Amino acid sequence: MFRQILTFPSSNLKYVLPFVIMAGLIAGYFIDTRPLKKFLLPVIICAIYPSMIGFRLKDLTAPHEKKSLLCNLLFNLFIVPIAAYTAASVFLQQNPELFTGLIIISVVPGGTMIIAFTMIFKGNVRAAIKLTTLSLITGAFLAPIYLYVIVGKYVPVDIVNVFKNIALVVFLPMIMGMFTYRALLKRLTINEFNARIRPLLPGVSSWGLVYIIFTSISLKSQMIIAYPGLLLKGLTSLMLFYVLIYVIIILTARKLFSEEDGITFLLSLVLRNLAISIGLAATAFGPQAAMMVALAFLIQQQAAVWFASLNRKYGILRTDKTTGNGL
């Protein structure tokens, strides 16, 4: 019974996630869920921590991810912002704040849930750690420049705070995971760990994801509902944006990576850092820009879940590359 409860969200994400999103919208509209916000950071850390159990420090410095790192950097610098600009130009020319919100999403990479989703969808966790760290660092330096060039308004980013976030959501869980793994191996063999403990880890992360998504949606529920006339434009442009980047990323991943590494590469790009994005949008550009980012919470994780389901069924990223020669 305990195992079934623990693994229920990770085994049924494509059904659980729409329910959580709707519950967040309804709860946030009628109830003040702001007290939940103070637990977000601890829950994010706890959601990433299980994916780090079994991680070895030498995996972080091993030179196996050069191709993936270079491709990730290329996409974050050029392909994803171009896709956002294209989608925004089609639907949002008359709505500059919504236009700005979509651009912000595209230039702030490195969502903190990349690592947890990678573990749940059986991607390359070692590579996900590197790609997340690279994205957070490059995004901190480049996002203000890109926003200035594309949007025409400079938005300062607190570099020190971004590095604190990197330490808290990547390196702290990594250290905790390494110590936990070392302690477990004093009681278990590696085979016992892989058989008894590792299958339960995605379940722990998935319950964290449920809390994070519910809280994020509920906090912005009234903002989303307050602008009904703009919802259709915002959702349509977001859907076009995600369709464009999914198609380009899938075509690239099939040519360059194994299925496992392709999943990691895709998640590292489609899971944008919406938490940082909504903070920038709300403080620098106003409520409609923030609403645009809030709408992405309705699409981003759900799209990743449905893609993972379709990939398992149809092998979208499955190629004849049986080894991770790209990573």
Protein backbone atom coordinates (compact mmCIF):
# COMPACT_ATOMS: atom_id res chain seq x y z
CA MET A 1 0.00 0.00 0.00
CA PHE A 2 2.78 2.45 0.92
CA ARG A 3 4.58 1.77 -2.36
CA GLN A 4 1.37 2.32 -4.35
CA ILE A 5 0.67 5.64 -2.63
CA LEU A 6 4.26 6.80 -3.01
CA THR A 7 4.48 5.98 -6.71
CA PHE A 8 0.92 6.98 -7.68
CA PRO A 9 1.71 10.49 -9.04
CA SER A 10 4.80 9.38 -10.97
CA SER A 11 2.87 6.46 -12.48
CA ASN A 12 -0.14 8.60 -13.44
CA LEU A 13 1.28 12.05 -14.12
CA LYS A 14 -0.71 12.64 -17.31
CA TYR A 15 -3.92 12.27 -15.28
CA VAL A 16 -2.72 13.74 -11.98
CA LEU A 17 -1.32 16.94 -13.49
CA PRO A 18 -4.54 18.29 -15.10
CA PHE A 19 -6.37 17.64 -11.80
CA VAL A 20 -3.65 19.49 -9.85
CA ILE A 21 -3.76 22.44 -12.28
CA MET A 22 -7.56 22.74 -12.05
CA ALA A 23 -7.45 22.36 -8.26
CA GLY A 24 -4.81 25.10 -8.08
CA LEU A 25 -6.90 27.47 -10.23
CA ILE A 26 -10.04 26.91 -8.15
CA ALA A 27 -8.32 26.99 -4.77
CA GLY A 28 -6.30 30.10 -5.63
CA TYR A 29 -9.41 31.96 -6.75
CA PHE A 30 -11.37 31.33 -3.56
CA ILE A 31 -8.66 30.82 -0.93
CA ASP A 32 -5.52 32.74 0.01
CA THR A 33 -2.78 30.20 -0.69
CA ARG A 34 0.11 32.59 -0.05
CA PRO A 35 1.15 30.72 3.14
CA LEU A 36 2.10 27.78 0.90
CA LYS A 37 4.73 29.92 -0.82
CA LYS A 38 7.12 29.82 2.14
CA PHE A 39 7.46 26.05 1.72
CA LEU A 40 8.22 26.16 -2.01
CA LEU A 41 12.01 26.25 -1.75
CA PRO A 42 12.25 23.38 0.79
CA VAL A 43 9.88 21.29 -1.34
CA ILE A 44 11.89 22.00 -4.51
CA ILE A 45 15.03 20.84 -2.70
CA CYS A 46 13.23 17.72 -1.45
CA ALA A 47 11.90 16.98 -4.94
CA ILE A 48 15.37 17.15 -6.49
CA TYR A 49 17.16 15.35 -3.63
CA PRO A 50 15.96 11.81 -4.55
CA SER A 51 17.35 12.19 -8.07
CA MET A 52 20.78 12.85 -6.54
CA ILE A 53 20.87 9.63 -4.50
CA GLY A 54 23.31 7.44 -6.37
CA PHE A 55 25.06 10.39 -8.00
CA ARG A 56 28.85 10.42 -7.75
CA LEU A 57 30.93 13.59 -7.75
CA LYS A 58 33.19 12.28 -10.49
CA ASP A 59 30.12 12.10 -12.75
CA LEU A 60 29.86 15.90 -12.61
CA THR A 61 33.42 16.43 -13.85
CA ALA A 62 33.55 13.53 -16.31
CA PRO A 63 33.99 14.91 -19.86
CA HIS A 64 31.10 12.98 -21.42
CA GLU A 65 28.57 15.74 -22.10
CA LYS A 66 30.38 18.08 -24.48
CA LYS A 67 28.00 17.59 -27.39
CA SER A 68 24.93 17.97 -25.19
CA LEU A 69 26.29 21.05 -23.43
CA LEU A 70 27.14 22.74 -26.72
CA CYS A 71 23.76 21.93 -28.25
CA ASN A 72 21.96 23.12 -25.12
CA LEU A 73 23.88 26.39 -25.19
CA LEU A 74 23.14 26.90 -28.90
CA PHE A 75 19.43 26.30 -28.43
CA ASN A 76 19.15 28.53 -25.36
CA LEU A 77 21.07 31.34 -27.05
CA PHE A 78 19.36 31.28 -30.44
CA ILE A 79 16.71 28.66 -31.26
CA VAL A 80 14.36 29.04 -28.28
CA PRO A 81 14.33 32.89 -28.31
CA ILE A 82 13.75 32.86 -32.10
CA ALA A 83 10.81 30.47 -31.65
CA ALA A 84 9.33 32.74 -28.97
CA TYR A 85 9.79 35.84 -31.12
CA THR A 86 8.07 34.08 -34.04
CA ALA A 87 5.08 33.00 -31.94
CA ALA A 88 4.79 36.42 -30.30
CA SER A 89 5.00 38.21 -33.67
CA VAL A 90 2.12 36.13 -35.04
CA PHE A 91 -0.35 36.63 -32.18
CA LEU A 92 0.84 39.35 -29.81
CA GLN A 93 1.93 42.37 -31.85
CA GLN A 94 -0.95 44.41 -30.40
CA ASN A 95 -0.25 43.27 -26.84
CA PRO A 96 3.26 44.38 -25.90
CA GLU A 97 3.12 43.14 -22.29
CA LEU A 98 2.06 39.64 -23.38
CA PHE A 99 4.75 39.78 -26.06
CA THR A 100 7.29 40.63 -23.37
CA GLY A 101 6.10 37.81 -21.11
CA LEU A 102 6.69 35.21 -23.80
CA ILE A 103 10.16 36.56 -24.56
CA ILE A 104 11.03 36.41 -20.85
CA ILE A 105 10.08 32.73 -20.76
CA SER A 106 12.38 32.03 -23.71
CA VAL A 107 15.47 33.81 -22.37
CA VAL A 108 15.37 32.50 -18.79
CA PRO A 109 16.41 28.83 -19.12
CA GLY A 110 17.09 26.09 -16.63
CA GLY A 111 13.90 25.17 -14.79
CA THR A 112 14.68 23.62 -11.40
CA MET A 113 12.44 20.62 -12.14
CA ILE A 114 14.59 19.39 -15.05
CA ILE A 115 16.47 16.96 -12.81
CA ALA A 116 13.35 15.54 -11.13
CA PHE A 117 11.50 15.13 -14.45
CA THR A 118 14.59 13.51 -15.99
CA MET A 119 14.64 10.87 -13.29
CA ILE A 120 10.89 10.23 -13.54
CA PHE A 121 11.07 9.89 -17.35
CA LYS A 122 14.24 7.74 -17.23
CA GLY A 123 16.61 10.19 -18.83
CA ASN A 124 20.30 10.81 -18.08
CA VAL A 125 20.31 12.39 -14.60
CA ARG A 126 24.06 13.03 -14.62
CA ALA A 127 23.71 15.07 -17.81
CA ALA A 128 20.60 16.84 -16.45
CA ILE A 129 22.60 18.13 -13.48
CA LYS A 130 25.22 19.62 -15.77
CA LEU A 131 22.69 21.09 -18.18
CA THR A 132 20.65 22.65 -15.36
CA THR A 133 23.73 24.26 -13.84
CA LEU A 134 24.92 25.56 -17.22
CA SER A 135 21.47 26.97 -18.00
CA LEU A 136 21.14 28.76 -14.67
CA ILE A 137 24.58 30.35 -15.02
CA THR A 138 24.26 31.42 -18.66
CA GLY A 139 20.70 32.59 -18.11
CA ALA A 140 21.74 34.83 -15.23
CA PHE A 141 24.23 36.67 -17.43
CA LEU A 142 22.43 36.67 -20.78
CA ALA A 143 18.76 37.20 -19.91
CA PRO A 144 19.12 40.96 -19.25
CA ILE A 145 21.01 41.43 -22.53
CA TYR A 146 18.45 39.50 -24.57
CA LEU A 147 15.54 41.33 -22.96
CA TYR A 148 17.22 44.66 -23.71
CA VAL A 149 17.81 43.73 -27.34
CA ILE A 150 14.47 42.07 -28.05
CA VAL A 151 12.09 43.95 -25.77
CA GLY A 152 13.93 47.25 -25.57
CA LYS A 153 14.00 47.53 -21.80
CA TYR A 154 16.90 46.44 -19.61
CA VAL A 155 15.92 44.17 -16.75
CA PRO A 156 18.55 43.73 -14.02
CA VAL A 157 19.06 40.21 -12.71
CA ASP A 158 20.43 39.64 -9.23
CA ILE A 159 23.43 37.46 -10.13
CA VAL A 160 24.25 36.72 -6.48
CA ASN A 161 20.70 35.53 -5.87
CA VAL A 162 20.81 33.30 -8.95
CA PHE A 163 24.00 31.67 -7.71
CA LYS A 164 22.37 31.17 -4.32
CA ASN A 165 19.52 29.41 -6.11
CA ILE A 166 22.02 27.20 -7.93
CA ALA A 167 23.62 26.26 -4.62
CA LEU A 168 20.26 25.57 -2.97
CA VAL A 169 18.45 23.66 -5.72
CA VAL A 170 21.38 21.82 -7.33
CA PHE A 171 24.44 21.55 -5.11
CA LEU A 172 22.72 21.14 -1.72
CA PRO A 173 20.56 18.20 -2.92
CA MET A 174 23.65 16.80 -4.65
CA ILE A 175 25.65 16.77 -1.40
CA MET A 176 22.68 15.33 0.51
CA GLY A 177 22.26 12.64 -2.14
CA MET A 178 25.93 11.63 -2.08
CA PHE A 179 25.96 11.28 1.71
CA THR A 180 22.68 9.35 1.61
CA TYR A 181 24.01 6.99 -1.06
CA ARG A 182 27.18 6.40 0.94
CA ALA A 183 25.14 5.62 4.07
CA LEU A 184 22.83 3.26 2.19
CA LEU A 185 25.75 1.32 0.72
CA LYS A 186 26.92 0.53 4.24
CA ARG A 187 23.70 -1.46 4.67
CA LEU A 188 22.90 -2.53 1.10
CA THR A 189 24.77 -3.79 -1.92
CA ILE A 190 24.52 -1.79 -5.15
CA ASN A 191 22.18 -4.43 -6.59
CA GLU A 192 19.95 -4.24 -3.51
CA PHE A 193 19.88 -0.44 -3.74
CA ASN A 194 18.92 -0.60 -7.42
CA ALA A 195 16.20 -3.18 -6.74
CA ARG A 196 14.69 -1.87 -3.49
CA ILE A 197 15.41 1.86 -3.21
CA ARG A 198 15.92 3.36 -6.67
CA PRO A 199 12.41 2.47 -8.00
CA LEU A 200 10.86 4.47 -5.13
CA LEU A 201 12.83 7.67 -5.74
CA PRO A 202 10.72 9.05 -8.64
CA GLY A 203 7.66 8.74 -6.40
CA VAL A 204 9.18 11.05 -3.79
CA SER A 205 10.04 13.61 -6.48
CA SER A 206 6.57 13.41 -8.05
CA TRP A 207 4.82 14.32 -4.78
CA GLY A 208 7.09 17.36 -4.61
CA LEU A 209 6.09 18.27 -8.16
CA VAL A 210 2.42 18.08 -7.20
CA TYR A 211 2.94 20.60 -4.40
CA ILE A 212 5.07 22.94 -6.54
CA ILE A 213 2.63 23.03 -9.46
CA PHE A 214 -0.45 23.41 -7.24
CA THR A 215 1.14 26.24 -5.30
CA SER A 216 2.48 28.04 -8.39
CA ILE A 217 -0.88 27.88 -10.18
CA SER A 218 -2.93 28.85 -7.12
CA LEU A 219 -0.76 31.88 -6.38
CA LYS A 220 -1.46 33.25 -9.89
CA SER A 221 -5.04 32.01 -10.23
CA GLN A 222 -6.74 35.37 -9.79
CA MET A 223 -4.32 37.00 -12.23
CA ILE A 224 -5.05 34.34 -14.85
CA ILE A 225 -8.82 34.60 -14.45
CA ALA A 226 -8.81 38.43 -14.23
CA TYR A 227 -7.92 38.86 -17.92
CA PRO A 228 -10.38 36.58 -19.80
CA GLY A 229 -10.10 38.57 -23.05
CA LEU A 230 -6.37 37.96 -23.27
CA LEU A 231 -6.35 34.31 -22.21
CA LEU A 232 -7.00 32.94 -25.70
CA LYS A 233 -4.24 35.02 -27.28
CA GLY A 234 -1.80 34.10 -24.56
CA LEU A 235 -2.55 30.38 -24.64
CA THR A 236 -2.49 30.23 -28.46
CA SER A 237 0.90 31.92 -28.69
CA LEU A 238 2.29 29.71 -25.92
CA MET A 239 1.07 26.58 -27.68
CA LEU A 240 2.71 27.69 -30.93
CA PHE A 241 5.94 28.43 -29.07
CA TYR A 242 6.06 25.01 -27.44
CA VAL A 243 5.11 23.21 -30.66
CA LEU A 244 7.94 24.94 -32.50
CA ILE A 245 10.61 24.10 -29.93
CA TYR A 246 9.38 20.52 -29.48
CA VAL A 247 9.55 19.85 -33.22
CA ILE A 248 13.03 21.36 -33.60
CA ILE A 249 14.39 19.67 -30.46
CA ILE A 250 12.96 16.25 -31.39
CA LEU A 251 14.47 16.39 -34.89
CA THR A 252 17.83 17.38 -33.41
CA ALA A 253 17.76 14.79 -30.61
CA ARG A 254 16.93 11.94 -33.01
CA LYS A 255 19.98 12.75 -35.10
CA LEU A 256 22.49 13.36 -32.31
CA PHE A 257 21.55 11.40 -29.18
CA SER A 258 20.39 8.08 -27.81
CA GLU A 259 16.83 7.95 -26.48
CA GLU A 260 17.95 8.38 -22.85
CA ASP A 261 20.16 11.35 -23.68
CA GLY A 262 17.56 12.77 -26.05
CA ILE A 263 14.99 12.85 -23.24
CA THR A 264 17.43 14.78 -21.06
CA PHE A 265 18.30 17.19 -23.86
CA LEU A 266 14.62 17.85 -24.56
CA LEU A 267 13.64 18.38 -20.93
CA SER A 268 16.59 20.73 -20.37
CA LEU A 269 15.13 23.03 -23.03
CA VAL A 270 11.34 22.76 -22.77
CA LEU A 271 11.18 23.12 -18.97
CA ARG A 272 11.86 26.83 -18.70
CA ASN A 273 12.51 28.53 -15.35
CA LEU A 274 9.03 29.94 -14.81
CA ALA A 275 9.69 30.89 -11.17
CA ILE A 276 12.43 33.36 -12.11
CA SER A 277 10.50 34.42 -15.23
CA ILE A 278 7.38 35.41 -13.35
CA GLY A 279 9.44 37.37 -10.84
CA LEU A 280 11.09 39.37 -13.64
CA ALA A 281 7.80 39.89 -15.43
CA ALA A 282 5.90 41.09 -12.37
CA THR A 283 8.58 43.47 -11.12
CA ALA A 284 9.74 44.97 -14.43
CA PHE A 285 6.86 44.80 -16.92
CA GLY A 286 3.52 44.64 -15.15
CA PRO A 287 0.61 42.26 -14.51
CA GLN A 288 -0.11 41.17 -18.09
CA ALA A 289 3.49 40.09 -18.65
CA ALA A 290 3.32 38.16 -15.38
CA MET A 291 0.00 36.65 -16.43
CA MET A 292 1.63 35.39 -19.63
CA VAL A 293 4.25 33.55 -17.61
CA ALA A 294 1.58 32.23 -15.25
CA LEU A 295 -0.27 30.74 -18.24
CA ALA A 296 2.88 28.77 -19.10
CA PHE A 297 2.38 26.84 -15.85
CA LEU A 298 -0.81 25.44 -17.43
CA ILE A 299 1.07 24.10 -20.46
CA GLN A 300 4.73 23.45 -19.74
CA GLN A 301 4.71 20.50 -17.31
CA GLN A 302 1.62 18.96 -18.89
CA ALA A 303 3.23 19.04 -22.34
CA ALA A 304 6.33 17.31 -20.95
CA VAL A 305 4.22 14.61 -19.31
CA TRP A 306 2.22 13.92 -22.47
CA PHE A 307 5.38 13.85 -24.56
CA ALA A 308 6.95 11.30 -22.22
CA SER A 309 3.81 9.16 -22.47
CA LEU A 310 3.80 9.34 -26.27
CA ASN A 311 7.52 8.62 -26.40
CA ARG A 312 7.07 5.48 -24.30
CA LYS A 313 4.25 4.34 -26.58
CA TYR A 314 5.59 5.32 -30.01
CA GLY A 315 9.33 5.74 -29.45
CA ILE A 316 9.48 9.30 -30.79
CA LEU A 317 13.10 9.67 -29.66
CA ARG A 318 14.00 6.04 -30.24
CA THR A 319 16.78 5.60 -32.77
CA ASP A 320 19.41 2.99 -33.56
CA LYS A 321 21.76 4.73 -31.09
CA THR A 322 21.74 2.26 -28.20
CA THR A 323 24.51 3.99 -26.28
CA GLY A 324 24.83 7.56 -25.10
CA ASN A 325 27.49 8.56 -27.59
CA GLY A 326 26.25 12.11 -27.43
CA LEU A 327 26.70 12.34 -23.69
